Amino acid sequence: MPSTTRVLLTLCLGLIGAMTASAQPVVTISSPTQLTKGNFTQLDPAISGDIVVYTDLRDGNEDVYYYDLSSGTETRVTFGSANQRLNDVSRSRIVSTDLSFPGPHIILYDIATGNTVSLTAGPSDMNPRIDGDIVVFERGTTGAVDIIAYDLGFRIETPVATTAANELNPVVSGRRVVYQRHSPREGSGEIVVFDLVTKVEAVLGDSALDDRRPDIDGNLVVWDFKTAAGDLDIAIHDLATGITTVLTLAGNQRAAHVSGRVVVFDDDGSGTSDVWMYHIDSGQRILIGSGPGAEFLNDFSGGQVVYTSNAAGNFDIWLVEFEILSIDPATGLEFGSVDV
């Protein structure tokens, strides 16, 4: 793990529900650490545990690399002359889109074995996401895209959404797949949750608001939507309670990701794109990615956030770590960590 200098931020609101009325949340946030360096571009990071995966353009086309936080080493995953992009990672498994002949198809690289296999034959499969043994991805041409789930254990495909609508941006957590649906195909989006076990779907949000770019972790689903004023805000929906919370902020907030009780998103309210963290239980919003340039395309897992930034002169992958602690206001002493 990279060494970091931690900055202590005291948040003055009491936690709701999970913490006692006397407790106050305190967040420790590391200084940003630059993971990739050099005069070339890295974009679109994803993280799981100590593994950070990203798209790299150093050889004139897009390849997939990963950075191991525990060893500080970088490893190249793909070597083809065509582009490989749109990647995700779960534990030691990396999935990505390979645009080589006969067309876009899904490949999987296992860090533990060093082997790469094609999960699909293409020619129109792309944008995979993975959680455990389940890989979800888009299948189809522009305007006629469906959602498919692939079970790595049983090596079988399950149709998730094969309607006449346009279905995009699938994500998966456990047995639930979430995606955005456009019906008509060029219309506004709505958020759909599909249960792989029961085969039942639920529609969230409001298609009139053009809901897009969902993410899910456990019972929490997040997405961004276009407001009546024309900007983008973040919605947070709890599947257990049915309650939706909206972050109403200046500027545009997009590309939200959720892990535990924390949401991280891109925000251009300052005039340039920054990365912010929102702690659901305390209602605190904290700036975690800010610099002279632009910070965007975030992802995070647990207490580790990765994002793209051009602070060093070209697009690189950066890391910020955080921890939420429970502090007794009477003594100032820490008495436990809060789930993030």
Protein backbone atom coordinates (compact mmCIF):
# COMPACT_ATOMS: atom_id res chain seq x y z
CA MET A 1 0.00 0.00 0.00
CA PRO A 2 1.44 3.43 -0.87
CA SER A 3 2.50 5.49 2.12
CA THR A 4 0.20 8.44 2.65
CA THR A 5 -0.10 11.52 4.83
CA ARG A 6 -3.50 11.51 6.46
CA VAL A 7 -5.47 14.68 7.00
CA LEU A 8 -8.03 14.61 9.80
CA LEU A 9 -11.38 16.15 8.99
CA THR A 10 -13.84 16.46 11.89
CA LEU A 11 -17.46 16.29 10.79
CA CYS A 12 -19.81 17.99 13.19
CA LEU A 13 -23.13 16.22 12.55
CA GLY A 14 -24.20 13.18 14.59
CA LEU A 15 -24.68 9.96 12.70
CA ILE A 16 -28.20 8.78 11.99
CA GLY A 17 -29.32 5.32 13.10
CA ALA A 18 -26.06 3.36 13.03
CA MET A 19 -24.28 5.56 15.57
CA THR A 20 -25.36 6.84 19.00
CA ALA A 21 -26.52 10.41 19.49
CA SER A 22 -23.31 11.27 21.36
CA ALA A 23 -21.02 9.99 18.63
CA GLN A 24 -19.53 12.15 15.93
CA PRO A 25 -18.08 10.89 12.67
CA VAL A 26 -14.49 11.70 11.91
CA VAL A 27 -13.02 11.00 8.49
CA THR A 28 -9.35 10.47 7.83
CA ILE A 29 -8.45 11.11 4.21
CA SER A 30 -5.06 10.47 2.65
CA SER A 31 -3.27 12.87 0.38
CA PRO A 32 -3.77 11.83 -3.28
CA THR A 33 -1.24 9.27 -4.52
CA GLN A 34 -0.31 9.12 -8.21
CA LEU A 35 -0.30 5.45 -9.23
CA THR A 36 0.67 5.72 -12.91
CA LYS A 37 3.40 7.95 -14.34
CA GLY A 38 4.86 8.70 -17.76
CA ASN A 39 4.02 10.75 -20.83
CA PHE A 40 1.03 8.66 -21.87
CA THR A 41 -2.63 8.38 -21.02
CA GLN A 42 -4.39 6.13 -18.51
CA LEU A 43 -8.17 6.28 -18.08
CA ASP A 44 -11.25 4.65 -16.58
CA PRO A 45 -9.96 2.94 -13.41
CA ALA A 46 -11.75 0.18 -11.51
CA ILE A 47 -10.73 -1.21 -8.11
CA SER A 48 -11.23 -4.37 -6.07
CA GLY A 49 -9.13 -4.89 -2.96
CA ASP A 50 -5.49 -4.15 -3.85
CA ILE A 51 -6.05 -4.35 -7.62
CA VAL A 52 -6.59 -1.20 -9.71
CA VAL A 53 -7.40 -1.81 -13.39
CA TYR A 54 -7.34 0.84 -16.13
CA THR A 55 -7.11 1.51 -19.86
CA ASP A 56 -3.63 2.51 -21.11
CA LEU A 57 -2.66 4.18 -24.39
CA ARG A 58 1.16 4.06 -24.24
CA ASP A 59 1.50 1.80 -27.30
CA GLY A 60 -0.75 3.83 -29.59
CA ASN A 61 -3.88 1.79 -28.93
CA GLU A 62 -5.93 0.93 -25.87
CA ASP A 63 -4.71 -1.87 -23.63
CA VAL A 64 -5.68 -3.02 -20.14
CA TYR A 65 -3.20 -2.83 -17.25
CA TYR A 66 -3.50 -3.34 -13.53
CA TYR A 67 -1.62 -1.88 -10.57
CA ASP A 68 -1.13 -3.95 -7.41
CA LEU A 69 -1.34 -1.63 -4.39
CA SER A 70 0.28 -4.21 -2.09
CA SER A 71 3.44 -4.58 -4.21
CA GLY A 72 3.45 -1.24 -6.07
CA THR A 73 3.87 -3.04 -9.39
CA GLU A 74 2.14 -2.53 -12.73
CA THR A 75 1.25 -5.42 -15.06
CA ARG A 76 0.06 -5.41 -18.65
CA VAL A 77 -3.00 -7.61 -19.28
CA THR A 78 -3.72 -7.31 -23.03
CA PHE A 79 -1.28 -7.30 -25.97
CA GLY A 80 -3.40 -7.26 -29.13
CA SER A 81 -3.09 -4.67 -31.88
CA ALA A 82 -6.80 -3.87 -31.57
CA ASN A 83 -8.25 -1.88 -28.69
CA GLN A 84 -9.12 -3.45 -25.34
CA ARG A 85 -11.16 -1.21 -23.02
CA LEU A 86 -14.20 -0.82 -20.75
CA ASN A 87 -12.80 -2.94 -17.95
CA ASP A 88 -13.84 -4.03 -14.46
CA VAL A 89 -12.35 -6.17 -11.70
CA SER A 90 -13.58 -8.44 -8.92
CA ARG A 91 -10.96 -10.00 -6.68
CA SER A 92 -8.40 -11.53 -9.08
CA ARG A 93 -10.60 -11.47 -12.19
CA ILE A 94 -10.46 -8.70 -14.77
CA VAL A 95 -13.03 -8.40 -17.55
CA SER A 96 -12.77 -6.09 -20.55
CA THR A 97 -13.98 -5.52 -24.10
CA ASP A 98 -11.72 -6.78 -26.90
CA LEU A 99 -12.37 -5.03 -30.22
CA SER A 100 -10.31 -7.46 -32.32
CA PHE A 101 -11.81 -9.65 -35.08
CA PRO A 102 -14.64 -10.55 -35.50
CA GLY A 103 -15.80 -7.61 -33.39
CA PRO A 104 -16.33 -6.57 -29.77
CA HIS A 105 -16.35 -9.51 -27.38
CA ILE A 106 -15.80 -10.06 -23.65
CA ILE A 107 -12.51 -11.42 -22.34
CA LEU A 108 -11.48 -12.41 -18.82
CA TYR A 109 -7.97 -12.33 -17.35
CA ASP A 110 -7.28 -14.15 -14.08
CA ILE A 111 -4.42 -12.59 -12.10
CA ALA A 112 -4.00 -15.78 -10.08
CA THR A 113 -3.30 -17.94 -13.14
CA GLY A 114 -2.17 -15.36 -15.71
CA ASN A 115 -4.62 -16.85 -18.22
CA THR A 116 -6.90 -14.95 -20.60
CA VAL A 117 -10.08 -16.52 -21.99
CA SER A 118 -12.86 -15.27 -24.26
CA LEU A 119 -16.22 -15.40 -22.52
CA THR A 120 -18.17 -14.51 -25.66
CA ALA A 121 -17.55 -14.78 -29.39
CA GLY A 122 -18.96 -11.36 -30.28
CA PRO A 123 -19.32 -9.56 -32.60
CA SER A 124 -21.33 -7.04 -30.55
CA ASP A 125 -20.62 -7.69 -26.84
CA MET A 126 -19.10 -4.93 -24.74
CA ASN A 127 -18.99 -2.91 -21.51
CA PRO A 128 -18.70 -5.78 -18.97
CA ARG A 129 -19.01 -5.51 -15.20
CA ILE A 130 -18.21 -8.29 -12.74
CA ASP A 131 -19.07 -9.28 -9.17
CA GLY A 132 -17.93 -12.69 -7.96
CA ASP A 133 -18.92 -15.29 -10.56
CA ILE A 134 -21.35 -13.05 -12.47
CA VAL A 135 -20.33 -10.98 -15.50
CA VAL A 136 -22.92 -8.68 -17.09
CA PHE A 137 -22.49 -6.90 -20.41
CA GLU A 138 -24.21 -5.25 -23.38
CA ARG A 139 -25.02 -7.20 -26.53
CA GLY A 140 -26.22 -5.64 -29.77
CA THR A 141 -25.73 -2.77 -32.16
CA THR A 142 -26.43 0.88 -31.45
CA GLY A 143 -30.11 1.43 -30.72
CA ALA A 144 -30.82 -2.28 -30.21
CA VAL A 145 -28.74 -3.27 -27.19
CA ASP A 146 -29.69 -6.03 -24.72
CA ILE A 147 -28.25 -7.05 -21.35
CA ILE A 148 -26.75 -10.52 -20.78
CA ALA A 149 -25.40 -12.16 -17.61
CA TYR A 150 -22.69 -14.84 -17.74
CA ASP A 151 -22.13 -17.23 -14.82
CA LEU A 152 -18.43 -18.14 -14.61
CA GLY A 153 -19.16 -21.14 -12.38
CA PHE A 154 -21.74 -22.78 -14.62
CA ARG A 155 -20.45 -21.21 -17.87
CA ILE A 156 -23.93 -20.27 -19.00
CA GLU A 157 -25.56 -17.09 -20.26
CA THR A 158 -28.81 -15.69 -18.90
CA PRO A 159 -30.80 -13.06 -20.82
CA VAL A 160 -31.48 -10.16 -18.47
CA ALA A 161 -33.11 -7.68 -20.85
CA THR A 162 -33.92 -8.58 -24.45
CA THR A 163 -36.81 -6.21 -25.16
CA ALA A 164 -37.35 -3.85 -28.07
CA ALA A 165 -36.03 -1.06 -25.84
CA ASN A 166 -32.39 0.02 -25.69
CA GLU A 167 -30.72 -1.35 -22.51
CA LEU A 168 -27.33 -0.01 -21.43
CA ASN A 169 -24.72 0.29 -18.67
CA PRO A 170 -25.32 -2.91 -16.67
CA VAL A 171 -23.84 -3.38 -13.20
CA VAL A 172 -24.11 -6.32 -10.82
CA SER A 173 -24.03 -6.97 -7.07
CA GLY A 174 -24.73 -10.49 -5.87
CA ARG A 175 -27.85 -11.75 -7.63
CA ARG A 176 -29.06 -8.30 -8.74
CA VAL A 177 -28.36 -6.69 -12.10
CA VAL A 178 -29.12 -3.00 -12.61
CA TYR A 179 -29.16 -1.18 -15.93
CA GLN A 180 -30.74 1.77 -17.75
CA ARG A 181 -33.60 1.23 -20.20
CA HIS A 182 -34.62 3.57 -23.02
CA SER A 183 -38.08 3.05 -24.51
CA PRO A 184 -38.43 4.35 -27.14
CA ARG A 185 -34.80 3.59 -27.98
CA GLU A 186 -33.79 7.25 -28.23
CA GLY A 187 -35.96 8.31 -25.29
CA SER A 188 -35.12 9.13 -21.68
CA GLY A 189 -33.70 6.41 -19.46
CA GLU A 190 -35.18 4.61 -16.49
CA ILE A 191 -33.36 2.41 -13.97
CA VAL A 192 -34.24 -1.29 -13.86
CA VAL A 193 -33.28 -3.86 -11.19
CA PHE A 194 -33.39 -7.52 -12.29
CA ASP A 195 -33.14 -10.45 -9.86
CA LEU A 196 -31.21 -13.35 -11.43
CA VAL A 197 -32.84 -15.86 -9.07
CA THR A 198 -36.51 -14.83 -9.19
CA LYS A 199 -36.31 -13.33 -12.72
CA VAL A 200 -38.39 -10.40 -11.42
CA GLU A 201 -37.60 -6.81 -12.38
CA ALA A 202 -38.37 -3.54 -10.63
CA VAL A 203 -38.29 -0.09 -12.20
CA LEU A 204 -36.76 2.79 -10.21
CA GLY A 205 -36.60 6.51 -10.80
CA ASP A 206 -38.58 8.47 -13.36
CA SER A 207 -38.01 7.99 -17.09
CA ALA A 208 -39.16 11.59 -17.67
CA LEU A 209 -35.99 12.70 -15.85
CA ASP A 210 -33.63 10.61 -18.01
CA ASP A 211 -32.02 8.32 -15.43
CA ARG A 212 -28.57 7.00 -16.39
CA ARG A 213 -25.28 5.42 -15.24
CA PRO A 214 -26.45 3.21 -12.33
CA ASP A 215 -24.36 1.42 -9.74
CA ILE A 216 -25.32 -1.03 -6.99
CA ASP A 217 -23.86 -2.45 -3.79
CA GLY A 218 -26.08 -4.64 -1.65
CA ASN A 219 -29.43 -2.88 -1.20
CA LEU A 220 -28.25 0.52 -2.40
CA VAL A 221 -28.68 1.67 -6.01
CA VAL A 222 -27.34 5.01 -7.25
CA TRP A 223 -27.64 6.84 -10.57
CA ASP A 224 -27.64 10.32 -12.06
CA PHE A 225 -30.60 12.04 -13.70
CA LYS A 226 -31.42 15.26 -15.51
CA THR A 227 -33.36 17.74 -13.39
CA ALA A 228 -36.07 20.12 -14.59
CA ALA A 229 -33.39 22.84 -14.59
CA GLY A 230 -31.30 20.80 -17.03
CA ASP A 231 -28.38 19.84 -14.76
CA LEU A 232 -27.52 16.40 -13.34
CA ASP A 233 -28.13 15.25 -9.76
CA ILE A 234 -27.53 11.95 -7.92
CA ALA A 235 -30.30 9.64 -6.69
CA ILE A 236 -29.72 7.06 -3.93
CA HIS A 237 -32.35 4.32 -3.57
CA ASP A 238 -32.53 1.79 -0.74
CA LEU A 239 -34.12 -1.43 -2.01
CA ALA A 240 -34.81 -2.55 1.57
CA THR A 241 -36.83 0.52 2.55
CA GLY A 242 -37.99 1.78 -0.86
CA ILE A 243 -36.73 5.26 0.01
CA THR A 244 -34.98 7.41 -2.59
CA THR A 245 -32.71 10.28 -1.51
CA VAL A 246 -31.64 12.97 -3.97
CA LEU A 247 -28.43 15.01 -3.69
CA THR A 248 -29.49 18.43 -4.94
CA LEU A 249 -26.30 20.37 -5.64
CA ALA A 250 -25.09 23.12 -7.96
CA GLY A 251 -23.60 22.02 -11.27
CA ASN A 252 -23.58 18.47 -12.61
CA GLN A 253 -23.04 15.34 -10.53
CA ARG A 254 -22.57 12.11 -12.48
CA ALA A 255 -20.93 8.67 -12.56
CA ALA A 256 -21.90 7.78 -8.99
CA HIS A 257 -20.51 4.64 -7.36
CA VAL A 258 -21.64 3.11 -4.07
CA SER A 259 -19.86 0.85 -1.61
CA GLY A 260 -21.20 0.22 1.87
CA ARG A 261 -22.72 3.47 3.15
CA VAL A 262 -20.67 5.79 0.96
CA VAL A 263 -21.32 7.25 -2.50
CA VAL A 264 -18.53 8.75 -4.64
CA PHE A 265 -19.25 10.83 -7.73
CA ASP A 266 -17.85 13.36 -10.23
CA ASP A 267 -18.94 16.97 -9.67
CA ASP A 268 -18.32 20.04 -11.84
CA GLY A 269 -19.96 22.55 -9.49
CA SER A 270 -16.61 24.33 -8.99
CA GLY A 271 -16.21 24.92 -12.73
CA THR A 272 -13.92 21.93 -13.26
CA SER A 273 -14.59 18.26 -12.56
CA ASP A 274 -13.77 17.11 -9.02
CA VAL A 275 -14.44 13.88 -7.11
CA TRP A 276 -16.61 14.03 -3.99
CA MET A 277 -17.64 11.55 -1.32
CA TYR A 278 -21.07 11.46 0.36
CA HIS A 279 -21.54 9.60 3.64
CA ILE A 280 -25.16 8.46 3.66
CA ASP A 281 -25.69 8.09 7.42
CA SER A 282 -24.23 11.44 8.45
CA GLY A 283 -25.22 13.39 5.34
CA GLN A 284 -21.69 14.72 4.99
CA ARG A 285 -20.24 15.62 1.58
CA ILE A 286 -16.44 15.68 1.40
CA LEU A 287 -14.10 16.74 -1.40
CA ILE A 288 -11.58 13.95 -1.97
CA GLY A 289 -10.24 14.61 -5.45
CA SER A 290 -9.36 18.21 -6.23
CA GLY A 291 -6.38 19.67 -8.04
CA PRO A 292 -5.30 22.17 -10.67
CA GLY A 293 -6.75 20.03 -13.43
CA ALA A 294 -9.75 17.74 -13.82
CA GLU A 295 -10.57 14.68 -11.73
CA PHE A 296 -13.17 12.28 -13.10
CA LEU A 297 -14.07 8.67 -14.00
CA ASN A 298 -14.02 7.53 -10.38
CA ASP A 299 -14.44 4.09 -8.86
CA PHE A 300 -14.02 2.86 -5.31
CA SER A 301 -14.18 -0.14 -3.05
CA GLY A 302 -14.28 0.01 0.72
CA GLY A 303 -12.12 2.95 1.76
CA GLN A 304 -10.13 3.32 -1.47
CA VAL A 305 -11.09 5.70 -4.28
CA VAL A 306 -9.40 5.73 -7.68
CA TYR A 307 -9.93 8.29 -10.42
CA THR A 308 -8.44 9.85 -13.55
CA SER A 309 -6.65 13.20 -13.20
CA ASN A 310 -4.46 15.38 -15.41
CA ALA A 311 -2.88 17.12 -12.41
CA ALA A 312 0.58 15.84 -13.46
CA GLY A 313 0.25 17.07 -17.06
CA ASN A 314 -1.43 14.09 -18.70
CA PHE A 315 -4.16 11.67 -17.69
CA ASP A 316 -3.03 9.35 -14.90
CA ILE A 317 -4.66 7.15 -12.27
CA TRP A 318 -4.72 8.50 -8.72
CA LEU A 319 -5.70 7.00 -5.36
CA VAL A 320 -7.21 8.48 -2.20
CA GLU A 321 -7.85 6.40 0.92
CA PHE A 322 -10.33 7.23 3.65
CA GLU A 323 -11.64 5.85 6.92
CA ILE A 324 -14.72 6.85 8.88
CA LEU A 325 -14.26 6.66 12.64
CA SER A 326 -16.64 6.99 15.57
CA ILE A 327 -15.37 9.55 18.09
CA ASP A 328 -16.63 10.22 21.62
CA PRO A 329 -17.08 14.03 21.73
CA ALA A 330 -16.57 14.10 25.49
CA THR A 331 -13.12 12.52 25.41
CA GLY A 332 -12.07 12.94 21.78
CA LEU A 333 -11.16 9.25 21.77
CA GLU A 334 -11.87 6.85 18.93
CA PHE A 335 -14.12 3.96 19.91
CA GLY A 336 -14.69 2.19 16.62
CA SER A 337 -14.79 2.30 12.88
CA VAL A 338 -17.91 2.96 10.88
CA ASP A 339 -18.71 0.72 7.92
CA VAL A 340 -17.92 2.49 4.65
